[in-house]
C-alpha atoms as a PDB file:
ATOM      1  CA  UNK A   1       7.238 -13.989 -64.725  1.00  0.00           C
ATOM      2  CA  UNK A   2       3.573 -12.834 -65.388  1.00  0.00           C
ATOM      3  CA  UNK A   3       3.247 -11.168 -61.982  1.00  0.00           C
ATOM      4  CA  UNK A   4       6.276  -9.221 -63.006  1.00  0.00           C
ATOM      5  CA  UNK A   5       4.373  -8.293 -66.715  1.00  0.00           C
ATOM      6  CA  UNK A   6       1.564  -7.159 -64.306  1.00  0.00           C
ATOM      7  CA  UNK A   7       2.874  -4.899 -62.263  1.00  0.00           C
ATOM      8  CA  UNK A   8       6.162  -3.654 -64.662  1.00  0.00           C
ATOM      9  CA  UNK A   9       3.950  -0.700 -66.143  1.00  0.00           C
ATOM     10  CA  UNK A  10       3.309   0.629 -62.825  1.00  0.00           C
ATOM     11  CA  UNK A  11       6.741   1.138 -62.184  1.00  0.00           C
ATOM     12  CA  UNK A  12       7.877   3.598 -64.334  1.00  0.00           C
ATOM     13  CA  UNK A  13       7.366   2.034 -67.653  1.00  0.00           C
ATOM     14  CA  UNK A  14       9.801  -0.736 -66.642  1.00  0.00           C
ATOM     15  CA  UNK A  15       9.451  -3.467 -69.707  1.00  0.00           C
ATOM     16  CA  UNK A  16      10.290  -7.252 -68.449  1.00  0.00           C
ATOM     17  CA  UNK A  17      12.700  -8.025 -71.410  1.00  0.00           C
ATOM     18  CA  UNK A  18      11.330 -11.408 -73.727  1.00  0.00           C
ATOM     19  CA  UNK A  19      14.189 -13.316 -72.069  1.00  0.00           C
ATOM     20  CA  UNK A  20      13.339 -13.374 -68.470  1.00  0.00           C
ATOM     21  CA  UNK A  21      13.619 -16.620 -66.848  1.00  0.00           C
ATOM     22  CA  UNK A  22      12.612 -17.496 -63.347  1.00  0.00           C
ATOM     23  CA  UNK A  23      14.392 -21.245 -62.113  1.00  0.00           C
ATOM     24  CA  UNK A  24      12.819 -22.443 -59.151  1.00  0.00           C
ATOM     25  CA  UNK A  25      14.050 -25.225 -56.987  1.00  0.00           C
ATOM     26  CA  UNK A  26      11.725 -27.168 -54.351  1.00  0.00           C
ATOM     27  CA  UNK A  27      13.014 -28.474 -51.033  1.00  0.00           C
ATOM     28  CA  UNK A  28      10.763 -30.920 -49.434  1.00  0.00           C
ATOM     29  CA  UNK A  29      11.312 -32.167 -45.754  1.00  0.00           C
ATOM     30  CA  UNK A  30      11.436 -31.300 -42.432  1.00  0.00           C
ATOM     31  CA  UNK A  31      12.004 -27.348 -41.662  1.00  0.00           C
ATOM     32  CA  UNK A  32      13.183 -26.340 -38.367  1.00  0.00           C
ATOM     33  CA  UNK A  33      10.584 -23.091 -38.672  1.00  0.00           C
ATOM     34  CA  UNK A  34       7.643 -25.833 -39.158  1.00  0.00           C
ATOM     35  CA  UNK A  35       6.799 -26.687 -42.554  1.00  0.00           C
ATOM     36  CA  UNK A  36       7.999 -29.275 -44.972  1.00  0.00           C
ATOM     37  CA  UNK A  37       8.288 -27.032 -48.543  1.00  0.00           C
ATOM     38  CA  UNK A  38      10.746 -24.735 -49.646  1.00  0.00           C
ATOM     39  CA  UNK A  39      10.709 -22.972 -52.663  1.00  0.00           C
ATOM     40  CA  UNK A  40      13.913 -20.631 -53.992  1.00  0.00           C
ATOM     41  CA  UNK A  41      13.245 -18.707 -57.147  1.00  0.00           C
ATOM     42  CA  UNK A  42      16.036 -17.290 -58.850  1.00  0.00           C
ATOM     43  CA  UNK A  43      14.847 -14.518 -61.192  1.00  0.00           C
ATOM     44  CA  UNK A  44      16.688 -13.636 -64.598  1.00  0.00           C
ATOM     45  CA  UNK A  45      15.813  -9.971 -66.190  1.00  0.00           C
ATOM     46  CA  UNK A  46      18.541  -9.463 -68.939  1.00  0.00           C
ATOM     47  CA  UNK A  47      19.738  -5.631 -69.680  1.00  0.00           C
ATOM     48  CA  UNK A  48      17.437  -4.548 -66.618  1.00  0.00           C
ATOM     49  CA  UNK A  49      19.644  -2.631 -63.612  1.00  0.00           C
ATOM     50  CA  UNK A  50      19.732  -4.885 -60.172  1.00  0.00           C
ATOM     51  CA  UNK A  51      17.980  -1.831 -58.329  1.00  0.00           C
ATOM     52  CA  UNK A  52      15.177  -1.841 -60.909  1.00  0.00           C
ATOM     53  CA  UNK A  53      15.127  -5.924 -61.168  1.00  0.00           C
ATOM     54  CA  UNK A  54      14.824  -6.206 -57.238  1.00  0.00           C
ATOM     55  CA  UNK A  55      12.046  -3.581 -56.946  1.00  0.00           C
ATOM     56  CA  UNK A  56      10.072  -5.134 -60.016  1.00  0.00           C
ATOM     57  CA  UNK A  57      10.651  -8.725 -57.873  1.00  0.00           C
ATOM     58  CA  UNK A  58       9.574  -7.461 -54.778  1.00  0.00           C
ATOM     59  CA  UNK A  59       6.784  -5.663 -56.242  1.00  0.00           C
ATOM     60  CA  UNK A  60       5.413  -8.850 -58.030  1.00  0.00           C
ATOM     61  CA  UNK A  61       5.227 -10.835 -54.628  1.00  0.00           C
ATOM     62  CA  UNK A  62       2.784  -8.275 -53.586  1.00  0.00           C
ATOM     63  CA  UNK A  63       0.005  -9.701 -55.872  1.00  0.00           C
ATOM     64  CA  UNK A  64      -2.750 -11.857 -54.523  1.00  0.00           C
ATOM     65  CA  UNK A  65      -1.519 -14.731 -57.407  1.00  0.00           C
ATOM     66  CA  UNK A  66       1.904 -14.971 -55.423  1.00  0.00           C
ATOM     67  CA  UNK A  67       0.393 -14.429 -51.941  1.00  0.00           C
ATOM     68  CA  UNK A  68      -1.325 -17.659 -52.091  1.00  0.00           C
ATOM     69  CA  UNK A  69       0.856 -19.803 -49.835  1.00  0.00           C
ATOM     70  CA  UNK A  70      -0.983 -22.935 -47.860  1.00  0.00           C
ATOM     71  CA  UNK A  71      -0.878 -21.779 -44.270  1.00  0.00           C
ATOM     72  CA  UNK A  72       2.225 -19.556 -44.131  1.00  0.00           C
ATOM     73  CA  UNK A  73       4.422 -22.837 -43.931  1.00  0.00           C
ATOM     74  CA  UNK A  74       5.988 -22.757 -47.358  1.00  0.00           C
ATOM     75  CA  UNK A  75       9.239 -20.861 -47.128  1.00  0.00           C
ATOM     76  CA  UNK A  76       9.674 -19.137 -50.226  1.00  0.00           C
ATOM     77  CA  UNK A  77      12.999 -17.486 -51.122  1.00  0.00           C
ATOM     78  CA  UNK A  78      13.539 -15.152 -54.039  1.00  0.00           C
ATOM     79  CA  UNK A  79      16.845 -13.899 -55.905  1.00  0.00           C
ATOM     80  CA  UNK A  80      17.786 -11.862 -58.701  1.00  0.00           C
ATOM     81  CA  UNK A  81      20.411 -13.188 -60.585  1.00  0.00           C
END
């Protein structure tokens, strides 16, 4: 959620709620696309309209700290819940 706090001030004044939560599930095993790891992130931003929450999450994924994906072989899927 730190990445969302970094980009939020640049998104028209949107504030990340204090009760934000990110739940992740890691899958390990061969994938048809190659690689062995998949990560599912479910982001909850209570009180934030869905379209704004999705835009905030998408913007957060552009930060370098999120882009560090070893050799591009980790499948990361994001869902706003």
